[in-house]
Amino acid sequence: MSLFERYLTLWVALCIFVGIGLGRVAPDIFRALAELEYASVNIPVAVLIWAMVYPMMISVDFGSLRDIGQRPKGLVITLTMNWLIAPFTMAGLGVLFFQYIFAGLISPEDASQYIAGMILLGAAPCTAMVFVWSQLTKGDPNYTLVQVSINDVILIFAYAPLVGLLLGVTSIQVPWQTLILSVLLYVVLPLLAGVITRSRLMARGGEAAVNAFTASLKPTSMAGLLLTVVMLFGFQGQVIFDSPLLILLLAIPLIVQAYGIFALSYGWAWIWNVPHKVACPCALIGTSNFFELAVAVAIGMFGLNSGAALVTVVGVLVEVPVMLSLVAFANRTRGSFLR
């Protein structure tokens, strides 16, 4: 994990302040950016999201799916937590906190937006950063790759229906056309581009060529993330300025979700005698989120200055310190697991 990645939360926090400042000083710039839309897709944000997503898709190796039958316990835990538990607990926490616990602090209209943002995050398990978390816990890299590849396949088909179901259950109107378009634009097309790129790189120089190319794109990916944060908080600046506790309120249920899902996954792996190098990635992949997708879909469905988009960016702010604390805990408890 590079120095830049280790302090990603700091850079995100700085970009939040920059975005808020620019939004108040130069609001016309952000209004002009917001108008650059086509079919409910904001063009500048789409370019930035692609800059984030495309490099990570190159790392996905669908050839690893032939090893799907190896160590099935870890896969059972991962798939159960990612698709049958985490999305529903995230939606439930959103309703609990924003419609009840924080009801006196947040309007009903804003509460619906924040719940929607949590649903978009909860239905998108991590794709890229899980490789980092797995490496920091000495997880099995091949097994991690299998997990990510399987989750990406499921994501293509399950994300839109699952989000639609949960939004409907929470009485939030579902713009199906925008949701499906977002999945095609930010999952299917980048994944196809990644598969084609990986195939050509493997033909030229094997895994070393893939690693070198993705490493060269990493600064572009990080820049895309940080510029997206600046844009989002440029639009949200006035709301945050008027309510400085808002970020904390949004972060609390996200933190509860992360620690809760990790506890369930990691505890299940321990009870089931899953080796530590498999238990870590299978627990961490469901705890972390594919926030790039969630950000893009939130913007497409609800707009750049929506509460849903704000929640997804707060997810970026929360994720890195929370995940690093869980990595530290996993490393300290290594001796409690099978080797």
C-alpha atoms as a PDB file:
ATOM      1  CA  MET A   1       0.000   0.000   0.000  1.00  0.00           C
ATOM      2  CA  SER A   2       1.616   3.246  -1.110  1.00  0.00           C
ATOM      3  CA  LEU A   3       2.003   6.272   1.150  1.00  0.00           C
ATOM      4  CA  PHE A   4      -0.646   8.057  -0.889  1.00  0.00           C
ATOM      5  CA  GLU A   5      -3.133   5.190  -0.499  1.00  0.00           C
ATOM      6  CA  ARG A   6      -2.437   4.824   3.233  1.00  0.00           C
ATOM      7  CA  TYR A   7      -3.410   8.472   3.779  1.00  0.00           C
ATOM      8  CA  LEU A   8      -6.300   8.420   1.308  1.00  0.00           C
ATOM      9  CA  THR A   9      -8.698   9.568   4.018  1.00  0.00           C
ATOM     10  CA  LEU A  10      -6.570  12.687   4.554  1.00  0.00           C
ATOM     11  CA  TRP A  11      -6.572  13.519   0.836  1.00  0.00           C
ATOM     12  CA  VAL A  12     -10.327  12.958   0.641  1.00  0.00           C
ATOM     13  CA  ALA A  13     -10.830  15.239   3.653  1.00  0.00           C
ATOM     14  CA  LEU A  14      -8.690  17.948   2.021  1.00  0.00           C
ATOM     15  CA  CYS A  15     -10.673  17.633  -1.209  1.00  0.00           C
ATOM     16  CA  ILE A  16     -13.884  18.004   0.790  1.00  0.00           C
ATOM     17  CA  PHE A  17     -12.691  21.363   2.125  1.00  0.00           C
ATOM     18  CA  VAL A  18     -11.459  22.412  -1.323  1.00  0.00           C
ATOM     19  CA  GLY A  19     -14.789  21.461  -2.885  1.00  0.00           C
ATOM     20  CA  ILE A  20     -16.805  23.321  -0.248  1.00  0.00           C
ATOM     21  CA  GLY A  21     -14.594  26.401  -0.662  1.00  0.00           C
ATOM     22  CA  LEU A  22     -14.783  26.390  -4.447  1.00  0.00           C
ATOM     23  CA  GLY A  23     -18.520  25.822  -4.332  1.00  0.00           C
ATOM     24  CA  ARG A  24     -18.960  28.994  -2.304  1.00  0.00           C
ATOM     25  CA  VAL A  25     -16.404  31.080  -4.200  1.00  0.00           C
ATOM     26  CA  ALA A  26     -17.200  29.984  -7.752  1.00  0.00           C
ATOM     27  CA  PRO A  27     -20.713  28.471  -7.837  1.00  0.00           C
ATOM     28  CA  ASP A  28     -21.147  29.295 -11.545  1.00  0.00           C
ATOM     29  CA  ILE A  29     -18.437  26.788 -12.456  1.00  0.00           C
ATOM     30  CA  PHE A  30     -20.260  23.975 -10.705  1.00  0.00           C
ATOM     31  CA  ARG A  31     -23.585  24.952 -12.210  1.00  0.00           C
ATOM     32  CA  ALA A  32     -21.995  24.787 -15.662  1.00  0.00           C
ATOM     33  CA  LEU A  33     -20.551  21.329 -14.901  1.00  0.00           C
ATOM     34  CA  ALA A  34     -23.936  20.122 -13.690  1.00  0.00           C
ATOM     35  CA  GLU A  35     -25.514  21.083 -17.027  1.00  0.00           C
ATOM     36  CA  LEU A  36     -23.119  18.868 -19.009  1.00  0.00           C
ATOM     37  CA  GLU A  37     -25.523  15.917 -19.089  1.00  0.00           C
ATOM     38  CA  TYR A  38     -26.752  13.406 -21.620  1.00  0.00           C
ATOM     39  CA  ALA A  39     -29.470  10.828 -20.834  1.00  0.00           C
ATOM     40  CA  SER A  40     -29.251  11.629 -17.101  1.00  0.00           C
ATOM     41  CA  VAL A  41     -25.499  10.973 -17.138  1.00  0.00           C
ATOM     42  CA  ASN A  42     -23.210  13.812 -16.113  1.00  0.00           C
ATOM     43  CA  ILE A  43     -20.347  13.742 -18.640  1.00  0.00           C
ATOM     44  CA  PRO A  44     -17.515  15.109 -16.410  1.00  0.00           C
ATOM     45  CA  VAL A  45     -18.403  12.674 -13.619  1.00  0.00           C
ATOM     46  CA  ALA A  46     -18.660   9.789 -16.095  1.00  0.00           C
ATOM     47  CA  VAL A  47     -15.116  10.490 -17.325  1.00  0.00           C
ATOM     48  CA  LEU A  48     -13.797  10.624 -13.745  1.00  0.00           C
ATOM     49  CA  ILE A  49     -15.586   7.417 -12.728  1.00  0.00           C
ATOM     50  CA  TRP A  50     -14.161   5.610 -15.747  1.00  0.00           C
ATOM     51  CA  ALA A  51     -10.700   6.848 -14.731  1.00  0.00           C
ATOM     52  CA  MET A  52     -11.281   5.146 -11.369  1.00  0.00           C
ATOM     53  CA  VAL A  53     -12.994   1.948 -12.498  1.00  0.00           C
ATOM     54  CA  TYR A  54     -11.140   0.947 -15.684  1.00  0.00           C
ATOM     55  CA  PRO A  55      -7.724   0.237 -14.048  1.00  0.00           C
ATOM     56  CA  MET A  56      -9.245  -2.035 -11.407  1.00  0.00           C
ATOM     57  CA  MET A  57     -11.190  -4.003 -14.021  1.00  0.00           C
ATOM     58  CA  ILE A  58      -7.932  -4.906 -15.758  1.00  0.00           C
ATOM     59  CA  SER A  59      -6.918  -6.808 -12.615  1.00  0.00           C
ATOM     60  CA  VAL A  60      -9.941  -9.105 -12.832  1.00  0.00           C
ATOM     61  CA  ASP A  61      -8.997 -12.495 -14.303  1.00  0.00           C
ATOM     62  CA  PHE A  62     -12.014 -14.565 -15.287  1.00  0.00           C
ATOM     63  CA  GLY A  63      -9.685 -17.481 -15.924  1.00  0.00           C
ATOM     64  CA  SER A  64      -9.547 -17.817 -12.144  1.00  0.00           C
ATOM     65  CA  LEU A  65     -13.190 -18.935 -12.160  1.00  0.00           C
ATOM     66  CA  ARG A  66     -12.034 -22.444 -13.028  1.00  0.00           C
ATOM     67  CA  ASP A  67     -10.803 -22.634  -9.403  1.00  0.00           C
ATOM     68  CA  ILE A  68     -14.266 -21.818  -8.072  1.00  0.00           C
ATOM     69  CA  GLY A  69     -14.623 -25.200  -6.358  1.00  0.00           C
ATOM     70  CA  GLN A  70     -11.502 -24.851  -4.223  1.00  0.00           C
ATOM     71  CA  ARG A  71     -12.105 -24.027  -0.534  1.00  0.00           C
ATOM     72  CA  PRO A  72     -15.863 -23.567  -0.908  1.00  0.00           C
ATOM     73  CA  LYS A  73     -16.406 -22.420   2.689  1.00  0.00           C
ATOM     74  CA  GLY A  74     -14.807 -19.039   2.067  1.00  0.00           C
ATOM     75  CA  LEU A  75     -16.907 -18.506  -1.057  1.00  0.00           C
ATOM     76  CA  VAL A  76     -20.098 -19.455   0.778  1.00  0.00           C
ATOM     77  CA  ILE A  77     -19.338 -16.860   3.453  1.00  0.00           C
ATOM     78  CA  THR A  78     -18.440 -14.171   0.911  1.00  0.00           C
ATOM     79  CA  LEU A  79     -21.455 -14.666  -1.329  1.00  0.00           C
ATOM     80  CA  THR A  80     -23.898 -14.985   1.557  1.00  0.00           C
ATOM     81  CA  MET A  81     -22.667 -11.838   3.278  1.00  0.00           C
ATOM     82  CA  ASN A  82     -22.323  -9.797   0.071  1.00  0.00           C
ATOM     83  CA  TRP A  83     -25.666 -10.585  -1.520  1.00  0.00           C
ATOM     84  CA  LEU A  84     -28.021 -11.957   1.144  1.00  0.00           C
ATOM     85  CA  ILE A  85     -27.094  -9.984   4.261  1.00  0.00           C
ATOM     86  CA  ALA A  86     -25.053  -6.786   3.741  1.00  0.00           C
ATOM     87  CA  PRO A  87     -27.443  -4.984   1.326  1.00  0.00           C
ATOM     88  CA  PHE A  88     -30.399  -5.611   3.642  1.00  0.00           C
ATOM     89  CA  THR A  89     -28.611  -4.623   6.852  1.00  0.00           C
ATOM     90  CA  MET A  90     -27.398  -1.413   5.157  1.00  0.00           C
ATOM     91  CA  ALA A  91     -30.945  -0.556   4.123  1.00  0.00           C
ATOM     92  CA  GLY A  92     -32.212  -1.415   7.594  1.00  0.00           C
ATOM     93  CA  LEU A  93     -29.606   0.774   9.282  1.00  0.00           C
ATOM     94  CA  GLY A  94     -30.490   3.613   6.927  1.00  0.00           C
ATOM     95  CA  VAL A  95     -34.139   3.421   7.922  1.00  0.00           C
ATOM     96  CA  LEU A  96     -33.290   3.033  11.629  1.00  0.00           C
ATOM     97  CA  PHE A  97     -30.937   6.000  11.817  1.00  0.00           C
ATOM     98  CA  PHE A  98     -32.471   8.456   9.363  1.00  0.00           C
ATOM     99  CA  GLN A  99     -36.156   7.821   9.968  1.00  0.00           C
ATOM    100  CA  TYR A 100     -35.999   7.224  13.719  1.00  0.00           C
ATOM    101  CA  ILE A 101     -32.768   7.942  15.636  1.00  0.00           C
ATOM    102  CA  PHE A 102     -31.904  11.116  13.680  1.00  0.00           C
ATOM    103  CA  ALA A 103     -35.509  12.012  12.832  1.00  0.00           C
ATOM    104  CA  GLY A 104     -35.368  15.274  14.769  1.00  0.00           C
ATOM    105  CA  LEU A 105     -32.213  16.388  12.963  1.00  0.00           C
ATOM    106  CA  ILE A 106     -33.025  15.453   9.350  1.00  0.00           C
ATOM    107  CA  SER A 107     -36.065  16.249   7.215  1.00  0.00           C
ATOM    108  CA  PRO A 108     -38.061  13.303   5.781  1.00  0.00           C
ATOM    109  CA  GLU A 109     -37.097  14.298   2.223  1.00  0.00           C
ATOM    110  CA  ASP A 110     -33.386  14.275   3.077  1.00  0.00           C
ATOM    111  CA  ALA A 111     -33.787  11.020   5.028  1.00  0.00           C
ATOM    112  CA  SER A 112     -35.060   9.265   1.888  1.00  0.00           C
ATOM    113  CA  GLN A 113     -32.036  10.485  -0.068  1.00  0.00           C
ATOM    114  CA  TYR A 114     -29.594   9.302   2.599  1.00  0.00           C
ATOM    115  CA  ILE A 115     -31.257   5.885   2.785  1.00  0.00           C
ATOM    116  CA  ALA A 116     -31.001   5.602  -1.006  1.00  0.00           C
ATOM    117  CA  GLY A 117     -27.281   6.401  -0.855  1.00  0.00           C
ATOM    118  CA  MET A 118     -26.731   3.705   1.767  1.00  0.00           C
ATOM    119  CA  ILE A 119     -28.614   1.174  -0.354  1.00  0.00           C
ATOM    120  CA  LEU A 120     -26.436   1.978  -3.375  1.00  0.00           C
ATOM    121  CA  LEU A 121     -23.332   1.420  -1.252  1.00  0.00           C
ATOM    122  CA  GLY A 122     -24.574  -1.710   0.490  1.00  0.00           C
ATOM    123  CA  ALA A 123     -25.448  -3.494  -2.754  1.00  0.00           C
ATOM    124  CA  ALA A 124     -21.947  -2.951  -4.213  1.00  0.00           C
ATOM    125  CA  PRO A 125     -19.264  -5.170  -2.619  1.00  0.00           C
ATOM    126  CA  CYS A 126     -15.655  -4.123  -3.065  1.00  0.00           C
ATOM    127  CA  THR A 127     -13.876  -4.835  -6.354  1.00  0.00           C
ATOM    128  CA  ALA A 128     -10.410  -3.286  -6.200  1.00  0.00           C
ATOM    129  CA  MET A 129      -9.334  -2.209  -2.721  1.00  0.00           C
ATOM    130  CA  VAL A 130      -9.936  -5.725  -1.395  1.00  0.00           C
ATOM    131  CA  PHE A 131      -6.663  -6.698  -3.103  1.00  0.00           C
ATOM    132  CA  VAL A 132      -4.921  -4.146  -0.870  1.00  0.00           C
ATOM    133  CA  TRP A 133      -6.657  -5.331   2.301  1.00  0.00           C
ATOM    134  CA  SER A 134      -5.929  -8.953   1.433  1.00  0.00           C
ATOM    135  CA  GLN A 135      -2.255  -8.201   0.873  1.00  0.00           C
ATOM    136  CA  LEU A 136      -1.977  -6.369   4.208  1.00  0.00           C
ATOM    137  CA  THR A 137      -3.386  -9.399   6.035  1.00  0.00           C
ATOM    138  CA  LYS A 138      -1.283 -11.906   4.063  1.00  0.00           C
ATOM    139  CA  GLY A 139      -4.404 -13.298   2.433  1.00  0.00           C
ATOM    140  CA  ASP A 140      -4.256 -15.834  -0.361  1.00  0.00           C
ATOM    141  CA  PRO A 141      -3.944 -13.670  -3.519  1.00  0.00           C
ATOM    142  CA  ASN A 142      -5.305 -16.334  -5.865  1.00  0.00           C
ATOM    143  CA  TYR A 143      -8.319 -16.923  -3.669  1.00  0.00           C
ATOM    144  CA  THR A 144      -8.928 -13.183  -3.429  1.00  0.00           C
ATOM    145  CA  LEU A 145      -8.877 -12.977  -7.222  1.00  0.00           C
ATOM    146  CA  VAL A 146     -11.438 -15.777  -7.478  1.00  0.00           C
ATOM    147  CA  GLN A 147     -13.714 -13.974  -5.028  1.00  0.00           C
ATOM    148  CA  VAL A 148     -13.472 -10.658  -6.847  1.00  0.00           C
ATOM    149  CA  SER A 149     -14.084 -12.264 -10.248  1.00  0.00           C
ATOM    150  CA  ILE A 150     -17.185 -14.103  -9.035  1.00  0.00           C
ATOM    151  CA  ASN A 151     -18.551 -10.979  -7.369  1.00  0.00           C
ATOM    152  CA  ASP A 152     -18.059  -8.964 -10.559  1.00  0.00           C
ATOM    153  CA  VAL A 153     -20.039 -11.516 -12.550  1.00  0.00           C
ATOM    154  CA  ILE A 154     -22.865 -11.421  -9.989  1.00  0.00           C
ATOM    155  CA  LEU A 155     -22.693  -7.621  -9.834  1.00  0.00           C
ATOM    156  CA  ILE A 156     -23.526  -7.328 -13.529  1.00  0.00           C
ATOM    157  CA  PHE A 157     -26.812  -9.186 -13.108  1.00  0.00           C
ATOM    158  CA  ALA A 158     -27.791  -8.569  -9.469  1.00  0.00           C
ATOM    159  CA  TYR A 159     -26.980  -4.933  -8.711  1.00  0.00           C
ATOM    160  CA  ALA A 160     -29.875  -3.264 -10.530  1.00  0.00           C
ATOM    161  CA  PRO A 161     -32.604  -5.706  -9.359  1.00  0.00           C
ATOM    162  CA  LEU A 162     -31.303  -5.655  -5.770  1.00  0.00           C
ATOM    163  CA  VAL A 163     -31.124  -1.865  -5.618  1.00  0.00           C
ATOM    164  CA  GLY A 164     -34.573  -1.633  -7.206  1.00  0.00           C
ATOM    165  CA  LEU A 165     -36.003  -4.063  -4.643  1.00  0.00           C
ATOM    166  CA  LEU A 166     -34.533  -2.237  -1.636  1.00  0.00           C
ATOM    167  CA  LEU A 167     -35.481   1.211  -2.902  1.00  0.00           C
ATOM    168  CA  GLY A 168     -39.001  -0.044  -3.483  1.00  0.00           C
ATOM    169  CA  VAL A 169     -39.218  -1.577  -0.015  1.00  0.00           C
ATOM    170  CA  THR A 170     -38.178   1.754   1.497  1.00  0.00           C
ATOM    171  CA  SER A 171     -40.806   3.561  -0.654  1.00  0.00           C
ATOM    172  CA  ILE A 172     -38.238   5.394  -2.808  1.00  0.00           C
ATOM    173  CA  GLN A 173     -39.175   5.754  -6.478  1.00  0.00           C
ATOM    174  CA  VAL A 174     -36.893   3.720  -8.738  1.00  0.00           C
ATOM    175  CA  PRO A 175     -35.830   5.301 -12.064  1.00  0.00           C
ATOM    176  CA  TRP A 176     -35.195   1.945 -13.719  1.00  0.00           C
ATOM    177  CA  GLN A 177     -33.918   3.297 -17.011  1.00  0.00           C
ATOM    178  CA  THR A 178     -31.236   5.367 -15.281  1.00  0.00           C
ATOM    179  CA  LEU A 179     -30.302   2.504 -12.943  1.00  0.00           C
ATOM    180  CA  ILE A 180     -29.842  -0.010 -15.770  1.00  0.00           C
ATOM    181  CA  LEU A 181     -27.956   2.544 -17.880  1.00  0.00           C
ATOM    182  CA  SER A 182     -25.611   3.199 -14.941  1.00  0.00           C
ATOM    183  CA  VAL A 183     -24.842  -0.515 -14.522  1.00  0.00           C
ATOM    184  CA  LEU A 184     -24.088  -0.828 -18.237  1.00  0.00           C
ATOM    185  CA  LEU A 185     -21.951   2.305 -18.266  1.00  0.00           C
ATOM    186  CA  TYR A 186     -20.002   1.798 -15.036  1.00  0.00           C
ATOM    187  CA  VAL A 187     -19.804  -2.003 -14.697  1.00  0.00           C
ATOM    188  CA  VAL A 188     -20.387  -3.831 -17.976  1.00  0.00           C
ATOM    189  CA  LEU A 189     -18.471  -1.557 -20.358  1.00  0.00           C
ATOM    190  CA  PRO A 190     -15.430  -0.979 -18.067  1.00  0.00           C
ATOM    191  CA  LEU A 191     -15.320  -4.706 -17.359  1.00  0.00           C
ATOM    192  CA  LEU A 192     -15.344  -5.537 -21.071  1.00  0.00           C
ATOM    193  CA  ALA A 193     -12.640  -2.925 -21.687  1.00  0.00           C
ATOM    194  CA  GLY A 194     -10.614  -4.378 -18.829  1.00  0.00           C
ATOM    195  CA  VAL A 195     -10.934  -7.935 -20.136  1.00  0.00           C
ATOM    196  CA  ILE A 196      -9.815  -6.880 -23.635  1.00  0.00           C
ATOM    197  CA  THR A 197      -6.895  -4.856 -22.265  1.00  0.00           C
ATOM    198  CA  ARG A 198      -5.809  -7.670 -19.957  1.00  0.00           C
ATOM    199  CA  SER A 199      -5.932 -10.201 -22.791  1.00  0.00           C
ATOM    200  CA  ARG A 200      -3.695  -8.052 -24.991  1.00  0.00           C
ATOM    201  CA  LEU A 201      -1.256  -7.316 -22.174  1.00  0.00           C
ATOM    202  CA  MET A 202      -1.019 -11.010 -21.249  1.00  0.00           C
ATOM    203  CA  ALA A 203      -0.252 -11.839 -24.871  1.00  0.00           C
ATOM    204  CA  ARG A 204       2.571  -9.277 -24.920  1.00  0.00           C
ATOM    205  CA  GLY A 205       4.261  -9.764 -21.559  1.00  0.00           C
ATOM    206  CA  GLY A 206       2.199 -11.867 -19.195  1.00  0.00           C
ATOM    207  CA  GLU A 207       1.257 -10.901 -15.640  1.00  0.00           C
ATOM    208  CA  ALA A 208       4.241  -8.551 -15.358  1.00  0.00           C
ATOM    209  CA  ALA A 209       2.894  -6.446 -18.227  1.00  0.00           C
ATOM    210  CA  VAL A 210      -0.554  -6.315 -16.582  1.00  0.00           C
ATOM    211  CA  ASN A 211       0.910  -5.208 -13.247  1.00  0.00           C
ATOM    212  CA  ALA A 212       3.107  -2.566 -14.875  1.00  0.00           C
ATOM    213  CA  PHE A 213       0.204  -1.134 -16.874  1.00  0.00           C
ATOM    214  CA  THR A 214      -2.190  -0.980 -13.927  1.00  0.00           C
ATOM    215  CA  ALA A 215       0.519   0.611 -11.790  1.00  0.00           C
ATOM    216  CA  SER A 216       0.992   3.304 -14.427  1.00  0.00           C
ATOM    217  CA  LEU A 217      -2.753   4.052 -14.325  1.00  0.00           C
ATOM    218  CA  LYS A 218      -2.990   4.236 -10.537  1.00  0.00           C
ATOM    219  CA  PRO A 219      -2.299   8.014 -10.349  1.00  0.00           C
ATOM    220  CA  THR A 220      -5.063   8.598 -12.897  1.00  0.00           C
ATOM    221  CA  SER A 221      -7.450   6.467 -10.845  1.00  0.00           C
ATOM    222  CA  MET A 222      -6.660   8.343  -7.617  1.00  0.00           C
ATOM    223  CA  ALA A 223      -6.983  11.702  -9.398  1.00  0.00           C
ATOM    224  CA  GLY A 224     -10.395  10.669 -10.694  1.00  0.00           C
ATOM    225  CA  LEU A 225     -11.542   9.843  -7.171  1.00  0.00           C
ATOM    226  CA  LEU A 226     -10.293  13.083  -5.634  1.00  0.00           C
ATOM    227  CA  LEU A 227     -11.660  15.299  -8.414  1.00  0.00           C
ATOM    228  CA  THR A 228     -15.034  13.577  -8.050  1.00  0.00           C
ATOM    229  CA  VAL A 229     -14.974  14.390  -4.332  1.00  0.00           C
ATOM    230  CA  VAL A 230     -14.183  18.045  -5.112  1.00  0.00           C
ATOM    231  CA  MET A 231     -17.092  18.226  -7.566  1.00  0.00           C
ATOM    232  CA  LEU A 232     -19.598  16.582  -5.254  1.00  0.00           C
ATOM    233  CA  PHE A 233     -18.748  18.725  -2.274  1.00  0.00           C
ATOM    234  CA  GLY A 234     -18.681  21.798  -4.493  1.00  0.00           C
ATOM    235  CA  PHE A 235     -22.373  21.150  -5.114  1.00  0.00           C
ATOM    236  CA  GLN A 236     -23.065  20.164  -1.503  1.00  0.00           C
ATOM    237  CA  GLY A 237     -21.023  22.970   0.071  1.00  0.00           C
ATOM    238  CA  GLN A 238     -23.901  25.176   1.178  1.00  0.00           C
ATOM    239  CA  VAL A 239     -25.792  22.287   2.773  1.00  0.00           C
ATOM    240  CA  ILE A 240     -22.717  21.162   4.702  1.00  0.00           C
ATOM    241  CA  PHE A 241     -21.842  24.713   5.707  1.00  0.00           C
ATOM    242  CA  ASP A 242     -25.315  25.170   7.143  1.00  0.00           C
ATOM    243  CA  SER A 243     -25.187  21.772   8.936  1.00  0.00           C
ATOM    244  CA  PRO A 244     -21.611  20.906  10.016  1.00  0.00           C
ATOM    245  CA  LEU A 245     -22.746  17.816  11.937  1.00  0.00           C
ATOM    246  CA  LEU A 246     -24.234  16.279   8.802  1.00  0.00           C
ATOM    247  CA  ILE A 247     -21.084  14.400   7.798  1.00  0.00           C
ATOM    248  CA  LEU A 248     -20.880  12.805  11.256  1.00  0.00           C
ATOM    249  CA  LEU A 249     -24.529  11.781  11.135  1.00  0.00           C
ATOM    250  CA  LEU A 250     -24.027  10.157   7.738  1.00  0.00           C
ATOM    251  CA  ALA A 251     -20.842   8.391   8.845  1.00  0.00           C
ATOM    252  CA  ILE A 252     -22.288   6.723  11.958  1.00  0.00           C
ATOM    253  CA  PRO A 253     -24.527   4.095  10.266  1.00  0.00           C
ATOM    254  CA  LEU A 254     -21.812   3.409   7.671  1.00  0.00           C
ATOM    255  CA  ILE A 255     -19.322   2.673  10.454  1.00  0.00           C
ATOM    256  CA  VAL A 256     -21.827   0.458  12.293  1.00  0.00           C
ATOM    257  CA  GLN A 257     -22.450  -1.473   9.067  1.00  0.00           C
ATOM    258  CA  ALA A 258     -18.742  -2.000   8.365  1.00  0.00           C
ATOM    259  CA  TYR A 259     -17.852  -3.321  11.816  1.00  0.00           C
ATOM    260  CA  GLY A 260     -21.017  -5.397  12.001  1.00  0.00           C
ATOM    261  CA  ILE A 261     -20.513  -7.130   8.652  1.00  0.00           C
ATOM    262  CA  PHE A 262     -16.858  -7.820   9.437  1.00  0.00           C
ATOM    263  CA  ALA A 263     -17.754  -9.299  12.831  1.00  0.00           C
ATOM    264  CA  LEU A 264     -20.331 -11.632  11.269  1.00  0.00           C
ATOM    265  CA  SER A 265     -18.055 -12.730   8.396  1.00  0.00           C
ATOM    266  CA  TYR A 266     -14.871 -13.101  10.430  1.00  0.00           C
ATOM    267  CA  GLY A 267     -16.685 -14.863  13.270  1.00  0.00           C
ATOM    268  CA  TRP A 268     -18.383 -17.241  10.841  1.00  0.00           C
ATOM    269  CA  ALA A 269     -15.007 -18.061   9.258  1.00  0.00           C
ATOM    270  CA  TRP A 270     -13.508 -18.751  12.700  1.00  0.00           C
ATOM    271  CA  ILE A 271     -16.388 -21.032  13.736  1.00  0.00           C
ATOM    272  CA  TRP A 272     -16.156 -22.866  10.405  1.00  0.00           C
ATOM    273  CA  ASN A 273     -12.369 -23.399  10.757  1.00  0.00           C
ATOM    274  CA  VAL A 274     -11.551 -21.445   7.602  1.00  0.00           C
ATOM    275  CA  PRO A 275      -7.777 -20.781   7.310  1.00  0.00           C
ATOM    276  CA  HIS A 276      -6.744 -17.227   8.173  1.00  0.00           C
ATOM    277  CA  LYS A 277      -5.396 -16.453   4.690  1.00  0.00           C
ATOM    278  CA  VAL A 278      -8.872 -17.216   3.304  1.00  0.00           C
ATOM    279  CA  ALA A 279     -10.908 -15.859   6.223  1.00  0.00           C
ATOM    280  CA  CYS A 280      -9.438 -12.352   5.866  1.00  0.00           C
ATOM    281  CA  PRO A 281     -10.299 -11.655   2.224  1.00  0.00           C
ATOM    282  CA  CYS A 282     -13.700 -13.344   2.531  1.00  0.00           C
ATOM    283  CA  ALA A 283     -14.552 -11.072   5.491  1.00  0.00           C
ATOM    284  CA  LEU A 284     -13.016  -7.883   4.132  1.00  0.00           C
ATOM    285  CA  ILE A 285     -14.590  -8.032   0.657  1.00  0.00           C
ATOM    286  CA  GLY A 286     -18.096  -7.694   2.085  1.00  0.00           C
ATOM    287  CA  THR A 287     -17.066  -5.037   4.588  1.00  0.00           C
ATOM    288  CA  SER A 288     -15.605  -2.750   1.926  1.00  0.00           C
ATOM    289  CA  ASN A 289     -17.691  -1.205  -0.863  1.00  0.00           C
ATOM    290  CA  PHE A 290     -17.398  -0.536  -4.583  1.00  0.00           C
ATOM    291  CA  PHE A 291     -17.889   3.157  -3.853  1.00  0.00           C
ATOM    292  CA  GLU A 292     -16.959   4.252  -7.384  1.00  0.00           C
ATOM    293  CA  LEU A 293     -20.051   2.501  -8.740  1.00  0.00           C
ATOM    294  CA  ALA A 294     -22.246   3.771  -5.913  1.00  0.00           C
ATOM    295  CA  VAL A 295     -21.116   7.368  -6.494  1.00  0.00           C
ATOM    296  CA  ALA A 296     -21.796   7.167 -10.227  1.00  0.00           C
ATOM    297  CA  VAL A 297     -25.229   5.571  -9.856  1.00  0.00           C
ATOM    298  CA  ALA A 298     -26.246   8.039  -7.122  1.00  0.00           C
ATOM    299  CA  ILE A 299     -25.355  10.968  -9.375  1.00  0.00           C
ATOM    300  CA  GLY A 300     -27.173   9.459 -12.343  1.00  0.00           C
ATOM    301  CA  MET A 301     -30.317   8.580 -10.400  1.00  0.00           C
ATOM    302  CA  PHE A 302     -30.620  11.503  -7.993  1.00  0.00           C
ATOM    303  CA  GLY A 303     -28.264  14.246  -9.218  1.00  0.00           C
ATOM    304  CA  LEU A 304     -24.904  15.741  -8.343  1.00  0.00           C
ATOM    305  CA  ASN A 305     -26.220  17.779  -5.429  1.00  0.00           C
ATOM    306  CA  SER A 306     -28.379  15.004  -3.972  1.00  0.00           C
ATOM    307  CA  GLY A 307     -28.186  13.560  -0.499  1.00  0.00           C
ATOM    308  CA  ALA A 308     -27.709  10.100  -2.006  1.00  0.00           C
ATOM    309  CA  ALA A 309     -24.532  11.238  -3.786  1.00  0.00           C
ATOM    310  CA  LEU A 310     -23.275  12.851  -0.577  1.00  0.00           C
ATOM    311  CA  VAL A 311     -23.661   9.591   1.374  1.00  0.00           C
ATOM    312  CA  THR A 312     -21.639   7.647  -1.182  1.00  0.00           C
ATOM    313  CA  VAL A 313     -18.763  10.141  -0.924  1.00  0.00           C
ATOM    314  CA  VAL A 314     -18.885  10.024   2.882  1.00  0.00           C
ATOM    315  CA  GLY A 315     -18.478   6.275   2.377  1.00  0.00           C
ATOM    316  CA  VAL A 316     -15.084   6.971   0.787  1.00  0.00           C
ATOM    317  CA  LEU A 317     -14.097   9.145   3.752  1.00  0.00           C
ATOM    318  CA  VAL A 318     -15.089   6.473   6.274  1.00  0.00           C
ATOM    319  CA  GLU A 319     -13.838   3.379   4.493  1.00  0.00           C
ATOM    320  CA  VAL A 320     -10.061   3.727   4.635  1.00  0.00           C
ATOM    321  CA  PRO A 321      -9.591   4.299   8.397  1.00  0.00           C
ATOM    322  CA  VAL A 322     -12.222   1.682   9.230  1.00  0.00           C
ATOM    323  CA  MET A 323     -10.661  -0.917   6.937  1.00  0.00           C
ATOM    324  CA  LEU A 324      -7.154  -0.234   8.256  1.00  0.00           C
ATOM    325  CA  SER A 325      -8.420  -0.803  11.805  1.00  0.00           C
ATOM    326  CA  LEU A 326      -9.960  -4.111  10.728  1.00  0.00           C
ATOM    327  CA  VAL A 327      -6.742  -5.132   8.976  1.00  0.00           C
ATOM    328  CA  ALA A 328      -4.856  -4.474  12.234  1.00  0.00           C
ATOM    329  CA  PHE A 329      -7.401  -6.553  14.194  1.00  0.00           C
ATOM    330  CA  ALA A 330      -7.197  -9.412  11.685  1.00  0.00           C
ATOM    331  CA  ASN A 331      -3.396  -9.468  11.930  1.00  0.00           C
ATOM    332  CA  ARG A 332      -3.508  -9.508  15.758  1.00  0.00           C
ATOM    333  CA  THR A 333      -5.915 -12.458  15.784  1.00  0.00           C
ATOM    334  CA  ARG A 334      -4.035 -14.553  13.219  1.00  0.00           C
ATOM    335  CA  GLY A 335      -3.089 -17.132  15.873  1.00  0.00           C
ATOM    336  CA  SER A 336      -6.745 -17.928  16.572  1.00  0.00           C
ATOM    337  CA  PHE A 337      -7.240 -19.362  13.068  1.00  0.00           C
ATOM    338  CA  LEU A 338      -5.975 -22.345  11.167  1.00  0.00           C
ATOM    339  CA  ARG A 339      -2.793 -21.648   9.233  1.00  0.00           C
END
